[in-house]
C-alpha cells in the first residue's frame, strides 16, 4: 500500500494550489489515436469488440482486484498489522458507488487498455483527508506541462466543459514510455496489427458463410 499511503499523506498535508500555467500536454500518438488509429475511448471499448482482449483484461483486472490489502505499522521489533484506521475505511469504500474490488478492477482495466489509470480526489480544503476518490476516463484527462516544475496540474475535459485540477486533486498511475517521461505506453497499440488481422479474418469468415 505504499503508493496509496504516500498519496493519502500528501493530500492531507498539501497546500491548495491552483494552476497558474496552462500549457496543455496533448499526449502522444498512443493516447490520441488509440487502438486501430481511432481515439483513446476506442481502447476502452476494445473489451466489448474483441473476445480475447476481453478475456485477457478481465482475467488480469479480476486477479488484481481480489488481492487483499493490509495496513502495516513499522516498528523497531517488526511490522504489525493495523486493523482500524481511517485510510482502511476510505480504501474499502473510495466513494458511495464503488467498493474496493470494483475500484481496483476498473483501474486495472484502464491500465491494461489505455496504459494509464487516473484518480481524482474530493478534497476538504480545511486540511482533512479526501472524502471520496474517483476513477476518471483517461481520454478526458490532460497533463499540464511546465519546464521548471515538470507538471503543474491537470485538465479534465468533457465536451465543452473544461475543469482545471491542481496537483493534489488528481494522480495517475501509468505504464511509462522509456522515450519520454510525460508519455504512456498502451499494450493495445503494440497489438494493433494482430487486432486488425483477427477482425479482418472474422469479417471474411462472416461474409463467406
C-alpha atoms as a PDB file:
ATOM      1  CA  UNK A   1       0.000   0.000   0.000  1.00  0.00           C
ATOM      2  CA  UNK A   2       2.973   2.440  -0.197  1.00  0.00           C
ATOM      3  CA  UNK A   3       1.631   4.288  -3.259  1.00  0.00           C
ATOM      4  CA  UNK A   4      -1.789   4.866  -1.732  1.00  0.00           C
ATOM      5  CA  UNK A   5      -0.310   5.794   1.656  1.00  0.00           C
ATOM      6  CA  UNK A   6       2.070   8.311   0.072  1.00  0.00           C
ATOM      7  CA  UNK A   7      -0.750   9.849  -1.925  1.00  0.00           C
ATOM      8  CA  UNK A   8      -3.046   9.928   1.090  1.00  0.00           C
ATOM      9  CA  UNK A   9      -0.377  11.549   3.291  1.00  0.00           C
ATOM     10  CA  UNK A  10       0.500  14.092   0.621  1.00  0.00           C
ATOM     11  CA  UNK A  11      -3.135  15.005   0.146  1.00  0.00           C
ATOM     12  CA  UNK A  12      -3.669  15.635   3.853  1.00  0.00           C
ATOM     13  CA  UNK A  13      -0.664  17.961   4.007  1.00  0.00           C
ATOM     14  CA  UNK A  14      -0.975  19.635   0.624  1.00  0.00           C
ATOM     15  CA  UNK A  15      -1.342  23.382   0.377  1.00  0.00           C
ATOM     16  CA  UNK A  16      -4.115  24.382  -2.049  1.00  0.00           C
ATOM     17  CA  UNK A  17      -2.550  25.494  -5.314  1.00  0.00           C
ATOM     18  CA  UNK A  18      -4.385  26.338  -8.491  1.00  0.00           C
ATOM     19  CA  UNK A  19      -2.908  26.011 -11.941  1.00  0.00           C
ATOM     20  CA  UNK A  20      -1.049  29.134 -12.998  1.00  0.00           C
ATOM     21  CA  UNK A  21       0.408  27.898 -16.254  1.00  0.00           C
ATOM     22  CA  UNK A  22      -1.947  26.059 -18.558  1.00  0.00           C
ATOM     23  CA  UNK A  23       0.065  24.831 -21.497  1.00  0.00           C
ATOM     24  CA  UNK A  24      -1.707  21.541 -22.124  1.00  0.00           C
ATOM     25  CA  UNK A  25       0.189  18.424 -22.974  1.00  0.00           C
ATOM     26  CA  UNK A  26      -1.647  16.887 -25.879  1.00  0.00           C
ATOM     27  CA  UNK A  27      -0.269  13.421 -25.274  1.00  0.00           C
ATOM     28  CA  UNK A  28       1.478  11.027 -27.613  1.00  0.00           C
ATOM     29  CA  UNK A  29       0.129   9.204 -30.629  1.00  0.00           C
ATOM     30  CA  UNK A  30      -0.888   6.270 -28.457  1.00  0.00           C
ATOM     31  CA  UNK A  31      -3.111   8.395 -26.247  1.00  0.00           C
ATOM     32  CA  UNK A  32      -4.580  10.490 -29.038  1.00  0.00           C
ATOM     33  CA  UNK A  33      -5.003   7.950 -31.800  1.00  0.00           C
ATOM     34  CA  UNK A  34      -5.520   4.901 -29.637  1.00  0.00           C
ATOM     35  CA  UNK A  35      -6.173   1.428 -30.949  1.00  0.00           C
ATOM     36  CA  UNK A  36      -6.567   0.929 -34.692  1.00  0.00           C
ATOM     37  CA  UNK A  37      -5.958   4.627 -35.424  1.00  0.00           C
ATOM     38  CA  UNK A  38      -9.029   5.872 -33.550  1.00  0.00           C
ATOM     39  CA  UNK A  39      -9.475   7.825 -30.301  1.00  0.00           C
ATOM     40  CA  UNK A  40      -8.424   6.699 -26.849  1.00  0.00           C
ATOM     41  CA  UNK A  41     -12.020   5.879 -25.964  1.00  0.00           C
ATOM     42  CA  UNK A  42     -11.802   3.087 -28.548  1.00  0.00           C
ATOM     43  CA  UNK A  43      -9.110   1.483 -26.391  1.00  0.00           C
ATOM     44  CA  UNK A  44     -11.561   1.423 -23.512  1.00  0.00           C
ATOM     45  CA  UNK A  45     -14.225  -0.102 -25.786  1.00  0.00           C
ATOM     46  CA  UNK A  46     -11.915  -2.832 -27.045  1.00  0.00           C
ATOM     47  CA  UNK A  47     -13.163  -5.285 -24.404  1.00  0.00           C
ATOM     48  CA  UNK A  48     -16.618  -5.080 -25.971  1.00  0.00           C
ATOM     49  CA  UNK A  49     -15.460  -5.824 -29.510  1.00  0.00           C
ATOM     50  CA  UNK A  50     -12.700  -8.409 -29.144  1.00  0.00           C
ATOM     51  CA  UNK A  51     -13.187 -11.639 -27.223  1.00  0.00           C
ATOM     52  CA  UNK A  52      -9.536 -12.367 -26.473  1.00  0.00           C
ATOM     53  CA  UNK A  53      -8.904  -8.800 -25.321  1.00  0.00           C
ATOM     54  CA  UNK A  54     -11.908  -9.166 -23.018  1.00  0.00           C
ATOM     55  CA  UNK A  55     -10.761 -12.476 -21.571  1.00  0.00           C
ATOM     56  CA  UNK A  56      -7.171 -11.276 -21.056  1.00  0.00           C
ATOM     57  CA  UNK A  57      -8.002  -7.919 -19.497  1.00  0.00           C
ATOM     58  CA  UNK A  58     -10.805  -9.384 -17.388  1.00  0.00           C
ATOM     59  CA  UNK A  59      -8.514 -12.087 -16.009  1.00  0.00           C
ATOM     60  CA  UNK A  60      -5.791  -9.577 -15.075  1.00  0.00           C
ATOM     61  CA  UNK A  61      -8.177  -6.984 -13.638  1.00  0.00           C
ATOM     62  CA  UNK A  62     -10.100  -9.536 -11.586  1.00  0.00           C
ATOM     63  CA  UNK A  63      -6.868 -11.019 -10.218  1.00  0.00           C
ATOM     64  CA  UNK A  64      -5.625  -7.594  -9.167  1.00  0.00           C
ATOM     65  CA  UNK A  65      -8.955  -6.730  -7.543  1.00  0.00           C
ATOM     66  CA  UNK A  66      -9.034  -9.931  -5.466  1.00  0.00           C
ATOM     67  CA  UNK A  67      -5.759  -9.104  -3.701  1.00  0.00           C
ATOM     68  CA  UNK A  68      -6.353  -8.492  -0.007  1.00  0.00           C
ATOM     69  CA  UNK A  69      -4.849  -5.224   1.247  1.00  0.00           C
ATOM     70  CA  UNK A  70      -3.358  -4.724   4.695  1.00  0.00           C
ATOM     71  CA  UNK A  71      -2.105  -1.667   6.525  1.00  0.00           C
ATOM     72  CA  UNK A  72       1.121  -2.267   8.412  1.00  0.00           C
ATOM     73  CA  UNK A  73       2.823  -0.157  11.076  1.00  0.00           C
ATOM     74  CA  UNK A  74       6.587  -0.387  11.115  1.00  0.00           C
ATOM     75  CA  UNK A  75       8.328  -0.698  14.446  1.00  0.00           C
ATOM     76  CA  UNK A  76      11.743  -1.480  15.829  1.00  0.00           C
ATOM     77  CA  UNK A  77      10.704  -5.069  16.529  1.00  0.00           C
ATOM     78  CA  UNK A  78       8.956  -5.604  13.207  1.00  0.00           C
ATOM     79  CA  UNK A  79       5.775  -4.744  11.364  1.00  0.00           C
ATOM     80  CA  UNK A  80       2.360  -5.081  12.966  1.00  0.00           C
ATOM     81  CA  UNK A  81      -0.961  -5.040  11.158  1.00  0.00           C
ATOM     82  CA  UNK A  82      -3.266  -2.097  11.789  1.00  0.00           C
ATOM     83  CA  UNK A  83      -6.838  -3.322  11.995  1.00  0.00           C
ATOM     84  CA  UNK A  84      -8.656   0.018  12.328  1.00  0.00           C
ATOM     85  CA  UNK A  85      -7.654   3.233  10.574  1.00  0.00           C
ATOM     86  CA  UNK A  86      -9.456   5.930   8.525  1.00  0.00           C
ATOM     87  CA  UNK A  87      -7.441   5.057   5.441  1.00  0.00           C
ATOM     88  CA  UNK A  88      -8.695   1.452   5.632  1.00  0.00           C
ATOM     89  CA  UNK A  89     -12.295   2.675   5.674  1.00  0.00           C
ATOM     90  CA  UNK A  90     -11.506   5.008   2.784  1.00  0.00           C
ATOM     91  CA  UNK A  91      -9.861   2.250   0.752  1.00  0.00           C
ATOM     92  CA  UNK A  92     -12.730  -0.188   1.329  1.00  0.00           C
ATOM     93  CA  UNK A  93     -15.240   2.391   0.068  1.00  0.00           C
ATOM     94  CA  UNK A  94     -13.474   5.006  -2.124  1.00  0.00           C
ATOM     95  CA  UNK A  95     -16.784   6.675  -2.978  1.00  0.00           C
ATOM     96  CA  UNK A  96     -20.508   5.980  -2.453  1.00  0.00           C
ATOM     97  CA  UNK A  97     -20.797   3.917  -5.639  1.00  0.00           C
ATOM     98  CA  UNK A  98     -17.594   1.839  -5.714  1.00  0.00           C
ATOM     99  CA  UNK A  99     -16.318  -0.918  -3.492  1.00  0.00           C
ATOM    100  CA  UNK A 100     -12.595  -1.537  -3.214  1.00  0.00           C
ATOM    101  CA  UNK A 101     -12.944  -4.525  -5.536  1.00  0.00           C
ATOM    102  CA  UNK A 102     -14.774  -2.557  -8.224  1.00  0.00           C
ATOM    103  CA  UNK A 103     -12.394   0.382  -7.972  1.00  0.00           C
ATOM    104  CA  UNK A 104      -9.295  -1.785  -8.327  1.00  0.00           C
ATOM    105  CA  UNK A 105     -10.843  -3.826 -11.130  1.00  0.00           C
ATOM    106  CA  UNK A 106     -11.834  -0.734 -13.127  1.00  0.00           C
ATOM    107  CA  UNK A 107      -8.447   0.915 -12.515  1.00  0.00           C
ATOM    108  CA  UNK A 108      -6.629  -2.152 -13.818  1.00  0.00           C
ATOM    109  CA  UNK A 109      -8.923  -2.280 -16.855  1.00  0.00           C
ATOM    110  CA  UNK A 110      -7.846   1.272 -17.715  1.00  0.00           C
ATOM    111  CA  UNK A 111      -4.204   0.326 -17.176  1.00  0.00           C
ATOM    112  CA  UNK A 112      -4.384  -2.671 -19.488  1.00  0.00           C
ATOM    113  CA  UNK A 113      -6.436  -0.958 -22.192  1.00  0.00           C
ATOM    114  CA  UNK A 114      -5.093   2.607 -22.225  1.00  0.00           C
ATOM    115  CA  UNK A 115      -1.841   2.285 -20.270  1.00  0.00           C
ATOM    116  CA  UNK A 116      -2.923   4.721 -17.550  1.00  0.00           C
ATOM    117  CA  UNK A 117      -5.403   4.977 -14.676  1.00  0.00           C
ATOM    118  CA  UNK A 118      -6.482   8.416 -13.444  1.00  0.00           C
ATOM    119  CA  UNK A 119      -7.735   9.018  -9.891  1.00  0.00           C
ATOM    120  CA  UNK A 120      -9.315  12.268  -8.733  1.00  0.00           C
ATOM    121  CA  UNK A 121      -9.927  13.308  -5.121  1.00  0.00           C
ATOM    122  CA  UNK A 122     -12.713  15.208  -3.427  1.00  0.00           C
ATOM    123  CA  UNK A 123     -10.657  17.359  -1.072  1.00  0.00           C
ATOM    124  CA  UNK A 124     -11.646  19.260   2.020  1.00  0.00           C
ATOM    125  CA  UNK A 125      -9.548  22.422   1.981  1.00  0.00           C
ATOM    126  CA  UNK A 126      -9.504  22.572   5.781  1.00  0.00           C
ATOM    127  CA  UNK A 127      -6.677  20.046   5.774  1.00  0.00           C
ATOM    128  CA  UNK A 128      -8.826  16.960   6.252  1.00  0.00           C
ATOM    129  CA  UNK A 129      -8.214  13.753   4.260  1.00  0.00           C
ATOM    130  CA  UNK A 130     -10.105  13.316   0.970  1.00  0.00           C
ATOM    131  CA  UNK A 131     -13.677  12.180   1.429  1.00  0.00           C
ATOM    132  CA  UNK A 132     -14.005  10.482  -1.964  1.00  0.00           C
ATOM    133  CA  UNK A 133     -11.798   9.093  -4.719  1.00  0.00           C
ATOM    134  CA  UNK A 134     -12.993   8.635  -8.292  1.00  0.00           C
ATOM    135  CA  UNK A 135     -11.672   6.821 -11.337  1.00  0.00           C
ATOM    136  CA  UNK A 136     -11.708   9.092 -14.405  1.00  0.00           C
ATOM    137  CA  UNK A 137     -11.600   8.073 -18.040  1.00  0.00           C
ATOM    138  CA  UNK A 138      -8.081   8.685 -19.401  1.00  0.00           C
ATOM    139  CA  UNK A 139      -9.320  10.136 -22.688  1.00  0.00           C
ATOM    140  CA  UNK A 140     -10.761  13.073 -20.724  1.00  0.00           C
ATOM    141  CA  UNK A 141      -7.566  13.968 -18.840  1.00  0.00           C
ATOM    142  CA  UNK A 142      -4.663  16.139 -19.971  1.00  0.00           C
ATOM    143  CA  UNK A 143      -1.331  16.851 -18.285  1.00  0.00           C
ATOM    144  CA  UNK A 144      -0.275  20.493 -17.924  1.00  0.00           C
ATOM    145  CA  UNK A 145       3.467  20.556 -18.557  1.00  0.00           C
ATOM    146  CA  UNK A 146       5.894  23.110 -17.202  1.00  0.00           C
ATOM    147  CA  UNK A 147       9.596  23.451 -17.986  1.00  0.00           C
ATOM    148  CA  UNK A 148      10.558  24.389 -14.434  1.00  0.00           C
ATOM    149  CA  UNK A 149       8.102  22.392 -12.341  1.00  0.00           C
ATOM    150  CA  UNK A 150       7.653  19.429 -14.749  1.00  0.00           C
ATOM    151  CA  UNK A 151       3.894  19.179 -14.138  1.00  0.00           C
ATOM    152  CA  UNK A 152       1.777  21.984 -12.652  1.00  0.00           C
ATOM    153  CA  UNK A 153      -1.676  20.457 -12.863  1.00  0.00           C
ATOM    154  CA  UNK A 154      -4.203  18.613 -14.966  1.00  0.00           C
ATOM    155  CA  UNK A 155      -7.216  19.404 -17.129  1.00  0.00           C
ATOM    156  CA  UNK A 156     -10.425  17.400 -17.250  1.00  0.00           C
ATOM    157  CA  UNK A 157     -12.479  17.780 -20.445  1.00  0.00           C
ATOM    158  CA  UNK A 158     -15.981  16.527 -21.112  1.00  0.00           C
ATOM    159  CA  UNK A 159     -17.463  18.023 -24.238  1.00  0.00           C
ATOM    160  CA  UNK A 160     -17.354  21.795 -23.924  1.00  0.00           C
ATOM    161  CA  UNK A 161     -16.735  21.630 -20.169  1.00  0.00           C
ATOM    162  CA  UNK A 162     -13.131  22.186 -19.088  1.00  0.00           C
ATOM    163  CA  UNK A 163     -12.117  21.769 -15.448  1.00  0.00           C
ATOM    164  CA  UNK A 164      -8.556  22.591 -14.287  1.00  0.00           C
ATOM    165  CA  UNK A 165      -7.287  20.399 -11.440  1.00  0.00           C
ATOM    166  CA  UNK A 166      -4.435  21.145  -9.069  1.00  0.00           C
ATOM    167  CA  UNK A 167      -1.694  18.603  -8.412  1.00  0.00           C
ATOM    168  CA  UNK A 168      -3.337  17.418  -5.201  1.00  0.00           C
ATOM    169  CA  UNK A 169      -6.711  16.902  -6.872  1.00  0.00           C
ATOM    170  CA  UNK A 170      -5.624  14.077  -9.176  1.00  0.00           C
ATOM    171  CA  UNK A 171      -2.974  11.443  -9.695  1.00  0.00           C
ATOM    172  CA  UNK A 172      -2.271   8.949 -12.431  1.00  0.00           C
ATOM    173  CA  UNK A 173      -0.682   5.515 -12.496  1.00  0.00           C
ATOM    174  CA  UNK A 174       0.756   4.686 -15.871  1.00  0.00           C
ATOM    175  CA  UNK A 175       2.868   2.376 -17.936  1.00  0.00           C
ATOM    176  CA  UNK A 176       5.711   4.814 -18.725  1.00  0.00           C
ATOM    177  CA  UNK A 177       7.193   5.349 -22.155  1.00  0.00           C
ATOM    178  CA  UNK A 178      11.002   4.951 -21.999  1.00  0.00           C
ATOM    179  CA  UNK A 179      11.398   7.617 -24.693  1.00  0.00           C
ATOM    180  CA  UNK A 180       9.558  10.434 -22.898  1.00  0.00           C
ATOM    181  CA  UNK A 181       8.897  10.976 -19.166  1.00  0.00           C
ATOM    182  CA  UNK A 182       5.477  12.504 -19.909  1.00  0.00           C
ATOM    183  CA  UNK A 183       4.103   9.816 -22.163  1.00  0.00           C
ATOM    184  CA  UNK A 184       2.442   6.460 -21.635  1.00  0.00           C
ATOM    185  CA  UNK A 185       2.508   3.115 -23.399  1.00  0.00           C
ATOM    186  CA  UNK A 186      -0.618   1.184 -24.251  1.00  0.00           C
ATOM    187  CA  UNK A 187      -0.354  -2.546 -24.784  1.00  0.00           C
ATOM    188  CA  UNK A 188      -3.150  -2.382 -27.327  1.00  0.00           C
ATOM    189  CA  UNK A 189      -1.153  -0.028 -29.538  1.00  0.00           C
ATOM    190  CA  UNK A 190       1.522  -2.704 -29.970  1.00  0.00           C
ATOM    191  CA  UNK A 191      -1.181  -5.278 -30.703  1.00  0.00           C
ATOM    192  CA  UNK A 192      -2.899  -3.196 -33.392  1.00  0.00           C
ATOM    193  CA  UNK A 193      -1.676  -5.324 -36.360  1.00  0.00           C
ATOM    194  CA  UNK A 194      -2.842  -8.525 -34.646  1.00  0.00           C
ATOM    195  CA  UNK A 195      -6.211  -6.964 -33.785  1.00  0.00           C
ATOM    196  CA  UNK A 196      -6.584  -5.875 -37.397  1.00  0.00           C
ATOM    197  CA  UNK A 197      -5.876  -9.431 -38.507  1.00  0.00           C
ATOM    198  CA  UNK A 198      -8.395 -11.006 -36.131  1.00  0.00           C
ATOM    199  CA  UNK A 199     -11.103  -8.521 -37.116  1.00  0.00           C
ATOM    200  CA  UNK A 200     -10.425  -8.917 -40.825  1.00  0.00           C
ATOM    201  CA  UNK A 201     -10.452 -12.705 -40.670  1.00  0.00           C
ATOM    202  CA  UNK A 202     -13.681 -12.699 -38.632  1.00  0.00           C
ATOM    203  CA  UNK A 203     -15.346 -10.395 -41.152  1.00  0.00           C
ATOM    204  CA  UNK A 204     -14.106 -12.532 -44.044  1.00  0.00           C
ATOM    205  CA  UNK A 205     -15.461 -15.715 -42.448  1.00  0.00           C
ATOM    206  CA  UNK A 206     -18.771 -13.986 -41.713  1.00  0.00           C
ATOM    207  CA  UNK A 207     -19.126 -12.839 -45.303  1.00  0.00           C
ATOM    208  CA  UNK A 208     -18.102 -16.249 -46.652  1.00  0.00           C
ATOM    209  CA  UNK A 209     -20.703 -18.188 -44.664  1.00  0.00           C
END
